[in-house]
Amino acid sequence: MKKLLSLMLAALMLLSMTALVSCGSESSKGDALKVIDIPLTEEEYAYAVKKGDAELLASVNKFLSEIKANGKFQEVIDKYFGSGTPTPVVSAEKDASKAQLVVATNAGFAPFEYKDGTYYLGVDMEIMSMLAEYLGKELVIDNMEFESVCTSVGSGMCDIAAAGLTINETRKEILDFSDAYYNASQVIIVKGSDTKFDACKSAADVEAILNEMTDSVKVGVQTGTTGEFYVRGDADWGFDGFKVTCVPYEVGALAAQNMLNGNCDYVVIDIAPAKAIVSNINATN
């Protein structure tokens, strides 16, 4: 399992990020998977600090405002959604005697955070590296399961969460969010030969089909993400959920690979990772 996960994450690093802006609902003949490019949710990503940490939150917001104004934020975005070259980020070892910025993340969510060997890459990782320098601190990246990211920051074990984190009222109970830096949405990944959703024009069309499905249909999600709440249903998130069987995976790429293995029928995940995953799988199958 660990070997497969490592290979999949490494492969994600090598894909061409230009594929991320292509129309995912269109697939070439023979494609293993395709993205139904219809947003099912509207979300905003932000960074998060422990509730009440007003000083760090103010610094993060000031930093984000400055890098958006001077173009450095767009330079990072262009590396992963355009033709730029990603810059590897190195994590120091945690040392309480040093001035450090400890970042909680889940490095299995390309193009926002992923690994190549000991290096970290992704939009969030490069921005956190810049933030650490801005604060005059050494960067420490604490890579963990996604569902632990919020609690690790909320309990004070880490300073800031940077994990493609969606702003949500439930999370606000233990975290304070920075200004939003990215608009995201959930989409559905299907097999290339599956035409069930091809005529869909809206989220309502997609959901009408999902609502007709029973628990014999398995939908893969990444554990603890908006995708899981969307499929299972969650009152706090405002999602009704579906009758399908929700199958959680530690990494979204593993869920997609399991579609090819016949272990699940669909995958629901954020749009940028969805397109990265599908591009990579179609290139290697």
Protein backbone atom coordinates (compact mmCIF):
# COMPACT_ATOMS: atom_id res chain seq x y z
CA MET A 1 0.00 0.00 0.00
CA LYS A 2 2.71 2.48 0.99
CA LYS A 3 4.70 1.69 -2.14
CA LEU A 4 1.65 2.19 -4.37
CA LEU A 5 0.79 5.46 -2.64
CA SER A 6 4.35 6.74 -3.01
CA LEU A 7 4.45 5.91 -6.70
CA MET A 8 1.12 7.57 -7.34
CA LEU A 9 2.07 10.78 -5.55
CA ALA A 10 5.41 10.93 -7.33
CA ALA A 11 3.69 10.47 -10.65
CA LEU A 12 1.36 13.37 -9.90
CA MET A 13 4.38 15.64 -9.58
CA LEU A 14 5.46 14.78 -13.12
CA LEU A 15 2.18 15.52 -14.90
CA SER A 16 1.76 18.59 -17.06
CA MET A 17 -0.23 21.12 -15.09
CA THR A 18 -1.63 22.55 -18.32
CA ALA A 19 -4.01 19.61 -18.24
CA LEU A 20 -5.67 21.17 -15.22
CA VAL A 21 -7.39 23.82 -17.29
CA SER A 22 -8.64 21.50 -20.02
CA CYS A 23 -12.31 20.52 -20.28
CA GLY A 24 -12.53 17.46 -18.10
CA SER A 25 -15.94 16.36 -19.37
CA GLU A 26 -14.42 15.69 -22.77
CA SER A 27 -12.37 12.54 -23.15
CA SER A 28 -10.30 11.17 -25.97
CA LYS A 29 -11.03 7.74 -27.31
CA GLY A 30 -9.53 5.16 -24.99
CA ASP A 31 -9.24 7.42 -21.92
CA ALA A 32 -9.49 5.38 -18.74
CA LEU A 33 -11.21 8.13 -16.74
CA LYS A 34 -12.82 11.52 -17.31
CA VAL A 35 -13.99 14.44 -15.20
CA ILE A 36 -17.56 15.65 -15.49
CA ASP A 37 -16.63 19.32 -15.49
CA ILE A 38 -19.69 20.62 -13.66
CA PRO A 39 -19.16 22.25 -10.22
CA LEU A 40 -21.28 20.50 -7.60
CA THR A 41 -20.38 22.89 -4.77
CA GLU A 42 -19.00 26.38 -4.29
CA GLU A 43 -16.11 26.63 -1.82
CA GLU A 44 -13.26 28.89 -0.77
CA TYR A 45 -9.84 27.68 0.34
CA ALA A 46 -8.05 29.51 3.13
CA TYR A 47 -5.28 28.97 5.65
CA ALA A 48 -6.23 28.50 9.29
CA VAL A 49 -4.68 29.18 12.69
CA LYS A 50 -5.70 28.26 16.23
CA LYS A 51 -8.81 30.14 17.30
CA GLY A 52 -7.81 33.35 19.02
CA ASP A 53 -4.32 33.58 17.50
CA ALA A 54 -5.00 37.09 16.25
CA GLU A 55 -1.32 38.01 15.82
CA LEU A 56 -0.49 35.18 13.42
CA LEU A 57 -3.79 35.58 11.57
CA ALA A 58 -3.12 39.27 10.99
CA SER A 59 0.38 38.48 9.73
CA VAL A 60 -0.95 35.83 7.33
CA ASN A 61 -3.59 38.16 5.91
CA LYS A 62 -1.07 40.99 5.50
CA PHE A 63 1.33 38.60 3.77
CA LEU A 64 -1.38 37.30 1.40
CA SER A 65 -2.40 40.85 0.54
CA GLU A 66 1.19 41.80 -0.25
CA ILE A 67 2.00 38.79 -2.46
CA LYS A 68 -1.24 39.25 -4.38
CA ALA A 69 -0.40 42.91 -4.95
CA ASN A 70 3.22 42.34 -6.01
CA GLY A 71 2.44 39.41 -8.32
CA LYS A 72 4.25 36.71 -6.34
CA PHE A 73 1.01 34.87 -5.58
CA GLN A 74 0.16 34.71 -9.28
CA GLU A 75 3.67 33.46 -10.03
CA VAL A 76 3.06 30.47 -7.76
CA ILE A 77 -0.36 29.81 -9.29
CA ASP A 78 1.16 29.92 -12.78
CA LYS A 79 3.68 27.22 -11.82
CA TYR A 80 0.88 24.73 -11.19
CA PHE A 81 -1.90 25.90 -13.49
CA GLY A 82 0.24 27.24 -16.31
CA SER A 83 3.67 26.68 -17.80
CA GLY A 84 5.90 27.53 -14.85
CA THR A 85 8.34 25.22 -13.08
CA PRO A 86 7.49 24.17 -9.50
CA THR A 87 10.02 25.01 -6.78
CA PRO A 88 10.71 22.15 -4.32
CA VAL A 89 10.28 23.04 -0.65
CA VAL A 90 12.37 21.54 2.15
CA SER A 91 11.07 21.01 5.69
CA ALA A 92 13.30 21.46 8.72
CA GLU A 93 13.07 19.15 11.72
CA LYS A 94 10.80 20.38 14.51
CA ASP A 95 12.86 22.01 17.27
CA ALA A 96 11.16 23.88 20.11
CA SER A 97 14.33 25.88 20.75
CA LYS A 98 14.11 27.56 17.33
CA ALA A 99 11.77 30.13 15.84
CA GLN A 100 9.75 27.91 13.53
CA LEU A 101 6.51 27.98 11.57
CA VAL A 102 4.96 24.52 11.87
CA VAL A 103 2.56 23.81 9.01
CA ALA A 104 -0.04 21.03 9.14
CA THR A 105 -0.81 19.50 5.75
CA ASN A 106 -1.80 16.34 3.91
CA ALA A 107 0.67 16.00 1.04
CA GLY A 108 -1.51 13.91 -1.21
CA PHE A 109 -3.55 16.67 -2.81
CA ALA A 110 -1.80 17.84 -5.97
CA PRO A 111 -1.51 20.55 -7.16
CA PHE A 112 -1.83 22.15 -3.70
CA GLU A 113 0.44 19.84 -1.70
CA TYR A 114 2.32 16.70 -2.68
CA LYS A 115 5.76 15.13 -2.35
CA ASP A 116 8.68 14.10 -4.52
CA GLY A 117 10.97 12.10 -2.27
CA THR A 118 11.81 14.32 0.68
CA TYR A 119 10.72 17.49 -1.13
CA TYR A 120 7.32 19.13 -0.85
CA LEU A 121 5.67 20.78 -3.83
CA GLY A 122 2.38 22.53 -4.52
CA VAL A 123 0.70 25.91 -4.31
CA ASP A 124 0.26 25.78 -0.53
CA MET A 125 3.77 24.51 0.14
CA GLU A 126 5.44 27.27 -1.85
CA ILE A 127 3.25 29.91 -0.22
CA MET A 128 4.03 28.53 3.24
CA SER A 129 7.75 28.64 2.42
CA MET A 130 7.36 32.29 1.48
CA LEU A 131 5.33 32.96 4.63
CA ALA A 132 8.00 31.43 6.87
CA GLU A 133 10.63 33.66 5.26
CA TYR A 134 8.33 36.67 5.64
CA LEU A 135 7.95 35.92 9.36
CA GLY A 136 11.66 35.29 9.81
CA LYS A 137 11.06 31.68 10.85
CA GLU A 138 12.25 28.25 9.83
CA LEU A 139 9.69 26.18 7.95
CA VAL A 140 8.56 22.84 9.37
CA ILE A 141 6.00 20.80 7.44
CA ASP A 142 4.04 18.24 9.44
CA ASN A 143 2.52 15.80 6.93
CA MET A 144 -0.48 13.93 8.35
CA GLU A 145 -3.87 12.47 7.48
CA PHE A 146 -6.23 15.20 6.27
CA GLU A 147 -8.76 14.64 9.03
CA SER A 148 -6.05 15.43 11.61
CA VAL A 149 -5.02 18.76 10.07
CA CYS A 150 -7.67 20.91 11.76
CA THR A 151 -7.38 19.30 15.18
CA SER A 152 -3.58 19.55 15.19
CA VAL A 153 -3.80 23.32 14.65
CA GLY A 154 -6.82 23.76 16.92
CA SER A 155 -4.96 22.03 19.76
CA GLY A 156 -1.81 24.08 19.21
CA MET A 157 0.39 21.20 17.98
CA CYS A 158 0.92 23.07 14.69
CA ASP A 159 0.81 26.78 13.91
CA ILE A 160 -1.11 26.87 10.65
CA ALA A 161 -3.14 24.59 8.40
CA ALA A 162 -2.32 24.63 4.70
CA ALA A 163 -4.09 21.74 3.03
CA GLY A 164 -6.55 22.97 0.42
CA LEU A 165 -8.79 23.69 3.39
CA THR A 166 -12.37 24.79 2.75
CA ILE A 167 -13.80 27.52 4.98
CA ASN A 168 -16.64 26.02 7.00
CA GLU A 169 -18.65 27.01 10.08
CA THR A 170 -17.90 23.73 11.86
CA ARG A 171 -14.16 24.22 11.43
CA LYS A 172 -14.52 27.79 12.65
CA GLU A 173 -15.34 26.42 16.09
CA ILE A 174 -11.65 25.61 16.65
CA LEU A 175 -9.93 27.62 13.90
CA ASP A 176 -9.70 31.16 12.59
CA PHE A 177 -9.46 31.34 8.80
CA SER A 178 -7.35 33.69 6.75
CA ASP A 179 -8.71 35.59 3.79
CA ALA A 180 -9.67 33.18 1.02
CA TYR A 181 -7.05 32.58 -1.66
CA TYR A 182 -8.73 30.09 -4.04
CA ASN A 183 -12.25 29.26 -5.22
CA ALA A 184 -12.89 25.52 -5.47
CA SER A 185 -15.68 23.05 -6.17
CA GLN A 186 -16.38 19.34 -6.06
CA VAL A 187 -16.75 17.35 -9.29
CA ILE A 188 -17.32 13.71 -10.16
CA ILE A 189 -14.81 11.42 -11.88
CA VAL A 190 -16.24 8.61 -14.02
CA LYS A 191 -14.83 5.91 -16.25
CA GLY A 192 -14.05 7.03 -19.79
CA SER A 193 -16.69 4.72 -21.23
CA ASP A 194 -19.42 5.91 -18.85
CA THR A 195 -21.91 8.16 -20.69
CA LYS A 196 -24.42 8.48 -17.83
CA PHE A 197 -23.52 12.09 -17.02
CA ASP A 198 -22.49 13.29 -20.49
CA ALA A 199 -25.73 15.17 -21.18
CA CYS A 200 -25.68 16.98 -17.83
CA LYS A 201 -25.62 20.77 -17.96
CA SER A 202 -25.85 21.66 -14.28
CA ALA A 203 -25.20 20.41 -10.75
CA ALA A 204 -28.93 19.67 -10.48
CA ASP A 205 -28.67 17.35 -13.49
CA VAL A 206 -25.75 15.45 -11.94
CA GLU A 207 -27.46 15.21 -8.56
CA ALA A 208 -30.69 13.95 -10.14
CA ILE A 209 -28.73 10.97 -11.48
CA LEU A 210 -26.91 10.43 -8.18
CA ASN A 211 -30.23 10.50 -6.33
CA GLU A 212 -31.48 7.59 -8.44
CA MET A 213 -28.57 5.40 -7.34
CA THR A 214 -28.76 2.88 -4.50
CA ASP A 215 -26.23 1.64 -1.96
CA SER A 216 -25.01 -0.88 -4.53
CA VAL A 217 -23.13 2.05 -6.13
CA LYS A 218 -19.79 2.85 -4.49
CA VAL A 219 -18.45 6.42 -4.56
CA GLY A 220 -14.85 7.00 -3.51
CA VAL A 221 -13.84 10.13 -1.59
CA GLN A 222 -10.80 11.43 0.28
CA THR A 223 -11.33 10.99 4.01
CA GLY A 224 -12.37 14.11 5.91
CA THR A 225 -12.79 16.31 2.84
CA THR A 226 -15.76 18.24 1.49
CA GLY A 227 -16.22 15.42 -1.01
CA GLU A 228 -16.92 12.96 1.80
CA PHE A 229 -19.41 15.31 3.49
CA TYR A 230 -21.11 15.92 0.12
CA VAL A 231 -21.58 12.22 -0.61
CA ARG A 232 -22.46 11.05 2.92
CA GLY A 233 -24.55 14.11 3.75
CA ASP A 234 -23.84 16.53 6.57
CA ALA A 235 -26.26 19.03 8.08
CA ASP A 236 -23.51 21.39 9.23
CA TRP A 237 -22.17 21.57 5.70
CA GLY A 238 -25.65 21.84 4.18
CA PHE A 239 -25.38 18.60 2.19
CA ASP A 240 -28.26 16.14 1.97
CA GLY A 241 -26.09 13.26 0.79
CA PHE A 242 -27.05 10.29 -1.39
CA LYS A 243 -28.07 6.67 -0.90
CA VAL A 244 -24.86 5.42 -2.49
CA THR A 245 -22.15 3.70 -0.45
CA CYS A 246 -19.43 6.21 0.42
CA VAL A 247 -15.95 4.64 0.34
CA PRO A 248 -13.22 6.75 2.03
CA TYR A 249 -9.58 6.70 0.92
CA GLU A 250 -6.59 8.42 2.49
CA VAL A 251 -5.67 9.88 -0.92
CA GLY A 252 -7.97 10.81 -3.79
CA ALA A 253 -5.63 9.33 -6.38
CA LEU A 254 -5.99 5.94 -4.74
CA ALA A 255 -9.78 6.18 -4.98
CA ALA A 256 -9.52 6.93 -8.70
CA GLN A 257 -7.12 4.03 -9.27
CA ASN A 258 -9.59 1.76 -7.50
CA MET A 259 -12.23 2.70 -10.07
CA LEU A 260 -10.05 0.99 -12.65
CA ASN A 261 -9.70 -2.01 -10.36
CA GLY A 262 -13.47 -2.28 -10.01
CA ASN A 263 -13.56 -1.43 -6.29
CA CYS A 264 -15.66 1.72 -6.70
CA ASP A 265 -17.85 3.21 -9.40
CA TYR A 266 -17.24 6.97 -9.10
CA VAL A 267 -15.05 9.46 -7.25
CA VAL A 268 -16.05 12.90 -5.91
CA ILE A 269 -13.17 15.30 -5.24
CA ASP A 270 -12.06 18.92 -5.73
CA ILE A 271 -11.78 19.97 -9.36
CA ALA A 272 -8.05 20.77 -9.56
CA PRO A 273 -6.92 17.46 -8.00
CA ALA A 274 -9.56 15.65 -10.08
CA LYS A 275 -8.08 16.91 -13.33
CA ALA A 276 -4.53 16.24 -12.17
CA ILE A 277 -5.40 12.67 -11.16
CA VAL A 278 -7.29 11.90 -14.38
CA SER A 279 -4.56 13.40 -16.56
CA ASN A 280 -1.94 11.27 -14.83
CA ILE A 281 -3.94 8.03 -14.93
CA ASN A 282 -4.88 8.48 -18.60
CA ALA A 283 -1.22 9.13 -19.46
CA THR A 284 -0.02 5.98 -17.73
CA ASN A 285 -2.77 3.50 -18.67
